[in-house]
């Protein structure tokens, strides 16, 4: 004999999953900006979620941060690679100087999570204030934490 499941039972069974998904989104918001200008207009730069050192020519920005840990991940596209890499405030650093995090956003490339062959071959840059940057498959990536000690072996 089949028993019908009541609506209340279904809601109470799904509530923990819904709570987990909601908390994950609230604690780790992912935001897209068409341009650096839009990131400024929406207050992301002033709030510290998007680094002010990203050139004004940057487009297709994606930013995700964790409110509890203050770890932030940013990706963007630049038509002119030299606008970021070849000048202040970024300076080259060795792969061995990068401190890798234990978790990353789902959209973050697997090859930018440390300890793999591709990660060891990329060029990395330290851009001050704990910001690490690199270029991978035509996109620029930056990640940083509340303190420099969390991202770079000084």
N, C-alpha and C. Protein backbone atom coordinates (compact mmCIF):
# COMPACT_ATOMS: atom_id res chain seq x y z
N UNK A 1 0.83 -1.18 0.00
CA UNK A 1 0.00 0.00 0.00
C UNK A 1 0.88 1.25 0.00
N UNK A 2 0.58 2.18 -0.89
CA UNK A 2 1.35 3.42 -0.98
C UNK A 2 0.78 4.45 -0.04
N UNK A 3 1.70 5.18 0.59
CA UNK A 3 1.24 6.26 1.47
C UNK A 3 1.57 7.59 0.81
N UNK A 4 0.67 8.50 0.91
CA UNK A 4 0.91 9.85 0.38
C UNK A 4 1.74 10.63 1.40
N UNK A 5 2.68 11.39 0.90
CA UNK A 5 3.51 12.23 1.76
C UNK A 5 2.85 13.59 1.84
N UNK A 6 2.65 14.06 3.04
CA UNK A 6 1.98 15.35 3.21
C UNK A 6 2.91 16.49 2.79
N UNK A 7 2.30 17.59 2.43
CA UNK A 7 3.07 18.78 2.06
C UNK A 7 3.95 19.25 3.19
N UNK A 8 3.46 19.18 4.41
CA UNK A 8 4.24 19.61 5.58
C UNK A 8 5.47 18.75 5.75
N UNK A 9 5.34 17.44 5.51
CA UNK A 9 6.48 16.54 5.63
C UNK A 9 7.52 16.85 4.57
N UNK A 10 7.06 17.14 3.37
CA UNK A 10 8.00 17.48 2.30
C UNK A 10 8.72 18.78 2.60
N UNK A 11 8.03 19.76 3.12
CA UNK A 11 8.65 21.05 3.45
C UNK A 11 9.66 20.87 4.56
N UNK A 12 9.29 20.13 5.60
CA UNK A 12 10.23 19.96 6.71
C UNK A 12 11.44 19.15 6.30
N UNK A 13 11.27 18.22 5.38
CA UNK A 13 12.41 17.43 4.89
C UNK A 13 13.33 18.28 4.02
N UNK A 14 12.78 19.22 3.27
CA UNK A 14 13.58 20.05 2.37
C UNK A 14 14.14 21.30 3.02
N UNK A 15 13.63 21.65 4.19
CA UNK A 15 14.06 22.88 4.86
C UNK A 15 15.55 22.91 5.16
N UNK A 16 16.17 21.83 5.69
CA UNK A 16 17.61 21.89 5.95
C UNK A 16 18.43 22.15 4.69
N UNK A 17 18.05 21.52 3.59
CA UNK A 17 18.76 21.73 2.33
C UNK A 17 18.62 23.17 1.86
N UNK A 18 17.41 23.69 1.94
CA UNK A 18 17.17 25.07 1.55
C UNK A 18 17.97 26.03 2.43
N UNK A 19 18.03 25.76 3.72
CA UNK A 19 18.80 26.59 4.65
C UNK A 19 20.28 26.55 4.31
N UNK A 20 20.80 25.36 4.01
CA UNK A 20 22.21 25.22 3.65
C UNK A 20 22.53 26.00 2.38
N UNK A 21 21.71 25.89 1.37
CA UNK A 21 21.93 26.60 0.11
C UNK A 21 21.85 28.11 0.34
N UNK A 22 20.87 28.56 1.10
CA UNK A 22 20.71 29.99 1.38
C UNK A 22 21.91 30.52 2.15
N UNK A 23 22.34 29.82 3.19
CA UNK A 23 23.49 30.27 3.99
C UNK A 23 24.76 30.32 3.15
N UNK A 24 24.95 29.31 2.30
CA UNK A 24 26.13 29.29 1.45
C UNK A 24 26.14 30.51 0.54
N UNK A 25 25.00 30.84 -0.04
CA UNK A 25 24.94 32.00 -0.93
C UNK A 25 25.16 33.30 -0.15
N UNK A 26 24.55 33.41 1.00
CA UNK A 26 24.68 34.64 1.81
C UNK A 26 26.11 34.80 2.30
N UNK A 27 26.75 33.72 2.73
CA UNK A 27 28.11 33.78 3.26
C UNK A 27 29.16 33.91 2.16
N UNK A 28 28.84 33.50 0.94
CA UNK A 28 29.79 33.50 -0.18
C UNK A 28 29.16 34.10 -1.43
N UNK A 29 28.76 35.36 -1.38
CA UNK A 29 28.09 35.92 -2.56
C UNK A 29 29.01 35.98 -3.78
N UNK A 30 28.45 35.63 -4.93
CA UNK A 30 29.17 35.70 -6.21
C UNK A 30 28.49 36.79 -7.03
N UNK A 31 29.28 37.76 -7.46
CA UNK A 31 28.72 38.91 -8.16
C UNK A 31 29.48 39.14 -9.46
N UNK A 32 28.76 39.45 -10.50
CA UNK A 32 29.36 39.75 -11.81
C UNK A 32 29.23 41.24 -12.10
N UNK A 33 30.26 41.79 -12.72
CA UNK A 33 30.26 43.18 -13.14
C UNK A 33 30.70 43.22 -14.60
N UNK A 34 30.03 43.98 -15.41
CA UNK A 34 30.39 44.09 -16.83
C UNK A 34 31.72 44.80 -17.00
N UNK A 35 32.04 45.71 -16.06
CA UNK A 35 33.27 46.49 -16.17
C UNK A 35 33.74 46.93 -14.79
N UNK A 36 34.96 47.42 -14.74
CA UNK A 36 35.48 47.95 -13.49
C UNK A 36 34.67 49.18 -13.07
N UNK A 37 34.21 49.93 -14.06
CA UNK A 37 33.37 51.10 -13.77
C UNK A 37 32.11 50.67 -13.03
N UNK A 38 31.47 49.57 -13.46
CA UNK A 38 30.28 49.08 -12.77
C UNK A 38 30.61 48.63 -11.34
N UNK A 39 31.77 47.99 -11.16
CA UNK A 39 32.18 47.56 -9.81
C UNK A 39 32.32 48.77 -8.89
N UNK A 40 32.86 49.87 -9.42
CA UNK A 40 32.94 51.12 -8.64
C UNK A 40 31.55 51.65 -8.32
N UNK A 41 30.70 51.72 -9.34
CA UNK A 41 29.35 52.26 -9.17
C UNK A 41 28.53 51.48 -8.15
N UNK A 42 28.73 50.18 -8.10
CA UNK A 42 27.96 49.33 -7.18
C UNK A 42 28.62 49.20 -5.80
N UNK A 43 29.74 49.89 -5.59
CA UNK A 43 30.37 49.95 -4.27
C UNK A 43 31.29 48.79 -3.93
N UNK A 44 31.58 47.91 -4.88
CA UNK A 44 32.43 46.74 -4.61
C UNK A 44 33.88 47.12 -4.34
N UNK A 45 34.36 48.15 -5.00
CA UNK A 45 35.74 48.59 -4.79
C UNK A 45 35.86 49.27 -3.44
N UNK A 46 34.95 50.16 -3.16
CA UNK A 46 34.97 50.88 -1.88
C UNK A 46 34.79 49.93 -0.70
N UNK A 47 34.02 48.85 -0.88
CA UNK A 47 33.81 47.86 0.18
C UNK A 47 35.03 46.95 0.36
N UNK A 48 35.95 46.97 -0.62
CA UNK A 48 37.15 46.15 -0.52
C UNK A 48 37.03 44.77 -1.14
N UNK A 49 35.92 44.47 -1.79
CA UNK A 49 35.75 43.15 -2.40
C UNK A 49 36.43 43.06 -3.75
N UNK A 50 36.55 44.17 -4.45
CA UNK A 50 37.27 44.22 -5.73
C UNK A 50 38.45 45.15 -5.52
N UNK A 51 39.69 44.66 -5.74
CA UNK A 51 40.88 45.49 -5.51
C UNK A 51 40.90 46.73 -6.40
N UNK A 52 41.23 47.85 -5.81
CA UNK A 52 41.29 49.12 -6.56
C UNK A 52 42.42 49.14 -7.58
N UNK A 53 43.38 48.22 -7.46
CA UNK A 53 44.49 48.18 -8.41
C UNK A 53 44.12 47.56 -9.75
N UNK A 54 42.95 46.96 -9.84
CA UNK A 54 42.52 46.41 -11.13
C UNK A 54 42.32 47.57 -12.09
N UNK A 55 42.92 47.51 -13.28
CA UNK A 55 42.83 48.61 -14.23
C UNK A 55 41.38 48.93 -14.63
N UNK A 56 41.16 50.19 -14.94
CA UNK A 56 39.82 50.64 -15.33
C UNK A 56 39.35 49.97 -16.62
N UNK A 57 40.29 49.43 -17.42
CA UNK A 57 39.92 48.76 -18.67
C UNK A 57 39.39 47.34 -18.46
N UNK A 58 39.42 46.82 -17.24
CA UNK A 58 38.98 45.46 -16.95
C UNK A 58 37.49 45.30 -17.24
N UNK A 59 37.15 44.15 -17.84
CA UNK A 59 35.75 43.83 -18.15
C UNK A 59 35.47 42.39 -17.70
N UNK A 60 34.19 42.02 -17.71
CA UNK A 60 33.76 40.67 -17.37
C UNK A 60 34.29 40.22 -16.01
N UNK A 61 34.11 41.06 -15.00
CA UNK A 61 34.59 40.74 -13.66
C UNK A 61 33.64 39.77 -12.96
N UNK A 62 34.21 38.84 -12.22
CA UNK A 62 33.47 37.94 -11.34
C UNK A 62 34.16 38.03 -10.00
N UNK A 63 33.38 38.25 -8.96
CA UNK A 63 33.95 38.38 -7.61
C UNK A 63 33.15 37.52 -6.66
N UNK A 64 33.84 36.77 -5.84
CA UNK A 64 33.18 35.99 -4.80
C UNK A 64 34.01 36.08 -3.54
N UNK A 65 33.35 36.35 -2.43
CA UNK A 65 34.06 36.46 -1.16
C UNK A 65 33.31 35.73 -0.07
N UNK A 66 34.08 35.36 0.95
CA UNK A 66 33.49 34.71 2.11
C UNK A 66 33.45 35.74 3.23
N UNK A 67 32.27 36.03 3.72
CA UNK A 67 32.10 37.06 4.73
C UNK A 67 32.80 36.70 6.03
N UNK A 68 32.84 35.42 6.39
CA UNK A 68 33.46 35.00 7.65
C UNK A 68 34.99 35.02 7.59
N UNK A 69 35.56 34.52 6.49
CA UNK A 69 37.02 34.40 6.40
C UNK A 69 37.69 35.60 5.75
N UNK A 70 36.91 36.44 5.07
CA UNK A 70 37.43 37.58 4.32
C UNK A 70 38.35 37.16 3.18
N UNK A 71 38.18 35.96 2.67
CA UNK A 71 38.92 35.51 1.50
C UNK A 71 38.10 35.89 0.27
N UNK A 72 38.77 36.50 -0.70
CA UNK A 72 38.09 36.98 -1.91
C UNK A 72 38.78 36.44 -3.16
N UNK A 73 37.99 36.09 -4.15
CA UNK A 73 38.46 35.62 -5.44
C UNK A 73 37.87 36.53 -6.51
N UNK A 74 38.72 36.99 -7.44
CA UNK A 74 38.28 37.88 -8.51
C UNK A 74 38.89 37.40 -9.83
N UNK A 75 38.08 37.40 -10.87
CA UNK A 75 38.56 37.10 -12.22
C UNK A 75 38.09 38.22 -13.14
N UNK A 76 38.90 38.54 -14.14
CA UNK A 76 38.53 39.59 -15.08
C UNK A 76 39.33 39.45 -16.36
N UNK A 77 38.90 40.16 -17.38
CA UNK A 77 39.56 40.14 -18.67
C UNK A 77 40.13 41.52 -18.96
N UNK A 78 41.33 41.52 -19.54
CA UNK A 78 41.98 42.76 -19.98
C UNK A 78 42.41 42.57 -21.42
N UNK A 79 42.13 43.54 -22.25
CA UNK A 79 42.60 43.48 -23.63
C UNK A 79 44.12 43.66 -23.67
N UNK A 80 44.64 44.51 -22.80
CA UNK A 80 46.06 44.80 -22.77
C UNK A 80 46.67 44.19 -21.51
N UNK A 81 47.33 43.05 -21.67
CA UNK A 81 47.92 42.32 -20.55
C UNK A 81 48.87 43.20 -19.74
N UNK A 82 49.60 44.07 -20.38
CA UNK A 82 50.59 44.89 -19.69
C UNK A 82 49.97 45.91 -18.75
N UNK A 83 48.68 46.16 -18.90
CA UNK A 83 48.02 47.14 -18.03
C UNK A 83 48.09 46.72 -16.56
N UNK A 84 48.23 45.44 -16.29
CA UNK A 84 48.32 44.99 -14.90
C UNK A 84 49.69 44.41 -14.58
N UNK A 85 50.15 43.51 -15.39
CA UNK A 85 51.30 42.70 -15.05
C UNK A 85 52.63 43.45 -15.08
N UNK A 86 52.83 44.33 -16.03
CA UNK A 86 54.16 44.93 -16.20
C UNK A 86 54.38 46.22 -15.44
N UNK A 87 53.57 46.51 -14.49
CA UNK A 87 53.78 47.77 -13.80
C UNK A 87 53.39 47.71 -12.34
N UNK A 88 53.51 48.83 -11.70
CA UNK A 88 53.11 48.94 -10.31
C UNK A 88 51.64 48.62 -10.19
N UNK A 89 51.20 48.09 -9.14
CA UNK A 89 51.98 47.74 -7.95
C UNK A 89 52.38 46.28 -7.90
N UNK A 90 52.21 45.52 -9.01
CA UNK A 90 52.48 44.08 -8.97
C UNK A 90 53.93 43.75 -9.31
N UNK A 91 54.50 42.82 -8.54
CA UNK A 91 55.87 42.37 -8.77
C UNK A 91 55.89 40.85 -8.82
N UNK A 92 56.73 40.27 -9.68
CA UNK A 92 56.78 38.80 -9.80
C UNK A 92 57.19 38.15 -8.48
N UNK A 93 56.58 36.98 -8.20
CA UNK A 93 56.97 36.16 -7.05
C UNK A 93 57.08 34.72 -7.50
N UNK A 94 57.73 33.90 -6.74
CA UNK A 94 57.89 32.49 -7.05
C UNK A 94 56.64 31.71 -6.64
N UNK A 95 56.39 30.63 -7.35
CA UNK A 95 55.28 29.73 -7.03
C UNK A 95 55.35 29.28 -5.57
N UNK A 96 56.56 29.03 -5.08
CA UNK A 96 56.75 28.53 -3.72
C UNK A 96 56.38 29.57 -2.66
N UNK A 97 56.23 30.82 -3.06
CA UNK A 97 55.85 31.87 -2.12
C UNK A 97 54.34 31.98 -1.93
N UNK A 98 53.58 31.35 -2.82
CA UNK A 98 52.12 31.44 -2.76
C UNK A 98 51.58 30.46 -1.71
N UNK A 99 50.73 30.95 -0.82
CA UNK A 99 50.03 30.08 0.11
C UNK A 99 48.66 29.78 -0.47
N UNK A 100 48.35 28.51 -0.59
CA UNK A 100 47.10 28.09 -1.23
C UNK A 100 46.02 27.88 -0.17
N UNK A 101 44.79 28.16 -0.54
CA UNK A 101 43.66 27.98 0.37
C UNK A 101 43.17 26.53 0.31
N UNK A 102 42.37 26.14 1.26
CA UNK A 102 41.84 24.78 1.29
C UNK A 102 40.56 24.63 0.46
N UNK A 103 39.89 25.73 0.16
CA UNK A 103 38.68 25.64 -0.67
C UNK A 103 38.59 26.84 -1.60
N UNK A 104 37.91 26.62 -2.71
CA UNK A 104 37.78 27.62 -3.76
C UNK A 104 36.35 27.65 -4.28
N UNK A 105 35.95 28.77 -4.90
CA UNK A 105 34.62 28.80 -5.52
C UNK A 105 34.54 27.75 -6.64
N UNK A 106 33.34 27.28 -6.91
CA UNK A 106 33.16 26.27 -7.95
C UNK A 106 33.66 26.74 -9.32
N UNK A 107 33.53 28.03 -9.61
CA UNK A 107 33.91 28.56 -10.92
C UNK A 107 35.42 28.79 -11.05
N UNK A 108 36.16 28.72 -9.96
CA UNK A 108 37.61 28.96 -9.97
C UNK A 108 38.30 27.81 -10.69
N UNK A 109 39.19 28.08 -11.66
CA UNK A 109 39.83 27.00 -12.42
C UNK A 109 40.59 26.02 -11.52
N UNK A 110 40.41 24.74 -11.79
CA UNK A 110 41.11 23.71 -10.99
C UNK A 110 42.62 23.89 -11.05
N UNK A 111 43.12 24.37 -12.17
CA UNK A 111 44.56 24.54 -12.31
C UNK A 111 45.10 25.75 -11.55
N UNK A 112 44.25 26.49 -10.86
CA UNK A 112 44.70 27.60 -10.02
C UNK A 112 44.42 27.31 -8.55
N UNK A 113 44.53 26.07 -8.18
CA UNK A 113 44.29 25.68 -6.79
C UNK A 113 45.54 25.13 -6.14
N UNK A 114 46.69 25.32 -6.76
CA UNK A 114 47.96 24.87 -6.19
C UNK A 114 48.19 23.39 -6.37
N UNK A 115 49.43 23.00 -6.09
CA UNK A 115 49.89 21.61 -6.12
C UNK A 115 49.40 20.80 -7.32
N UNK A 116 49.57 21.35 -8.49
CA UNK A 116 49.38 20.58 -9.72
C UNK A 116 50.38 21.12 -10.74
N UNK A 117 50.59 20.37 -11.79
CA UNK A 117 51.64 20.73 -12.75
C UNK A 117 51.43 22.09 -13.39
N UNK A 118 50.19 22.43 -13.74
CA UNK A 118 49.93 23.72 -14.37
C UNK A 118 50.22 24.86 -13.39
N UNK A 119 49.78 24.72 -12.14
CA UNK A 119 50.02 25.78 -11.14
C UNK A 119 51.50 26.09 -11.00
N UNK A 120 52.34 25.09 -11.07
CA UNK A 120 53.78 25.31 -10.88
C UNK A 120 54.42 26.03 -12.06
N UNK A 121 53.79 26.02 -13.23
CA UNK A 121 54.36 26.65 -14.43
C UNK A 121 53.89 28.08 -14.66
N UNK A 122 52.89 28.54 -13.95
CA UNK A 122 52.36 29.88 -14.17
C UNK A 122 53.22 30.94 -13.50
N UNK A 123 53.10 32.16 -14.00
CA UNK A 123 53.78 33.31 -13.38
C UNK A 123 52.83 33.92 -12.37
N UNK A 124 53.34 34.23 -11.18
CA UNK A 124 52.54 34.82 -10.11
C UNK A 124 53.09 36.20 -9.76
N UNK A 125 52.18 37.04 -9.28
CA UNK A 125 52.53 38.40 -8.94
C UNK A 125 51.97 38.74 -7.58
N UNK A 126 52.76 39.46 -6.80
CA UNK A 126 52.28 39.96 -5.52
C UNK A 126 51.95 41.43 -5.73
N UNK A 127 50.72 41.79 -5.43
CA UNK A 127 50.24 43.13 -5.73
C UNK A 127 49.97 43.95 -4.47
N UNK A 128 50.64 43.63 -3.38
CA UNK A 128 50.46 44.37 -2.14
C UNK A 128 49.19 43.95 -1.41
N UNK A 129 49.12 44.25 -0.15
CA UNK A 129 47.94 43.98 0.69
C UNK A 129 47.47 42.54 0.62
N UNK A 130 48.39 41.60 0.44
CA UNK A 130 48.02 40.19 0.41
C UNK A 130 47.43 39.71 -0.89
N UNK A 131 47.46 40.52 -1.93
CA UNK A 131 46.83 40.17 -3.20
C UNK A 131 47.82 39.40 -4.09
N UNK A 132 47.39 38.21 -4.52
CA UNK A 132 48.17 37.40 -5.45
C UNK A 132 47.45 37.43 -6.79
N UNK A 133 48.20 37.52 -7.88
CA UNK A 133 47.59 37.55 -9.19
C UNK A 133 48.30 36.65 -10.16
N UNK A 134 47.59 36.20 -11.19
CA UNK A 134 48.17 35.42 -12.27
C UNK A 134 47.26 35.56 -13.49
N UNK A 135 47.76 35.07 -14.60
CA UNK A 135 46.97 35.04 -15.82
C UNK A 135 46.88 33.58 -16.25
N UNK A 136 45.68 33.15 -16.64
CA UNK A 136 45.47 31.77 -17.03
C UNK A 136 44.42 31.73 -18.12
N UNK A 137 44.79 31.17 -19.25
CA UNK A 137 43.88 31.01 -20.39
C UNK A 137 43.15 32.30 -20.76
N UNK A 138 43.90 33.41 -20.79
CA UNK A 138 43.36 34.68 -21.25
C UNK A 138 42.61 35.50 -20.22
N UNK A 139 42.49 35.00 -18.99
CA UNK A 139 41.81 35.75 -17.93
C UNK A 139 42.81 36.03 -16.82
N UNK A 140 42.57 37.11 -16.12
CA UNK A 140 43.38 37.45 -14.95
C UNK A 140 42.64 37.00 -13.70
N UNK A 141 43.39 36.50 -12.74
CA UNK A 141 42.81 36.03 -11.49
C UNK A 141 43.56 36.65 -10.33
N UNK A 142 42.82 37.07 -9.32
CA UNK A 142 43.41 37.61 -8.10
C UNK A 142 42.70 36.98 -6.92
N UNK A 143 43.44 36.73 -5.88
CA UNK A 143 42.83 36.26 -4.65
C UNK A 143 43.58 36.87 -3.49
N UNK A 144 42.85 37.11 -2.42
CA UNK A 144 43.46 37.73 -1.25
C UNK A 144 42.65 37.43 -0.01
N UNK A 145 43.30 37.65 1.13
CA UNK A 145 42.66 37.41 2.43
C UNK A 145 42.82 38.67 3.27
N UNK A 146 42.37 38.59 4.50
CA UNK A 146 42.41 39.75 5.38
C UNK A 146 43.84 40.21 5.67
N UNK A 147 44.79 39.27 5.69
CA UNK A 147 46.19 39.63 5.96
C UNK A 147 47.10 39.01 4.91
N UNK A 148 48.23 39.64 4.65
CA UNK A 148 49.19 39.13 3.68
C UNK A 148 49.74 37.78 4.10
N UNK A 149 49.86 37.54 5.39
CA UNK A 149 50.41 36.27 5.88
C UNK A 149 49.56 35.07 5.46
N UNK A 150 48.31 35.31 5.11
CA UNK A 150 47.43 34.21 4.68
C UNK A 150 47.61 33.85 3.22
N UNK A 151 48.26 34.70 2.44
CA UNK A 151 48.36 34.45 1.00
C UNK A 151 49.80 34.31 0.48
N UNK A 152 50.77 34.82 1.22
CA UNK A 152 52.14 34.81 0.72
C UNK A 152 53.12 34.52 1.85
N UNK A 153 54.13 33.70 1.52
CA UNK A 153 55.20 33.41 2.47
C UNK A 153 56.21 34.55 2.37
N UNK A 154 56.18 35.44 3.31
CA UNK A 154 57.05 36.63 3.26
C UNK A 154 58.44 36.35 3.76
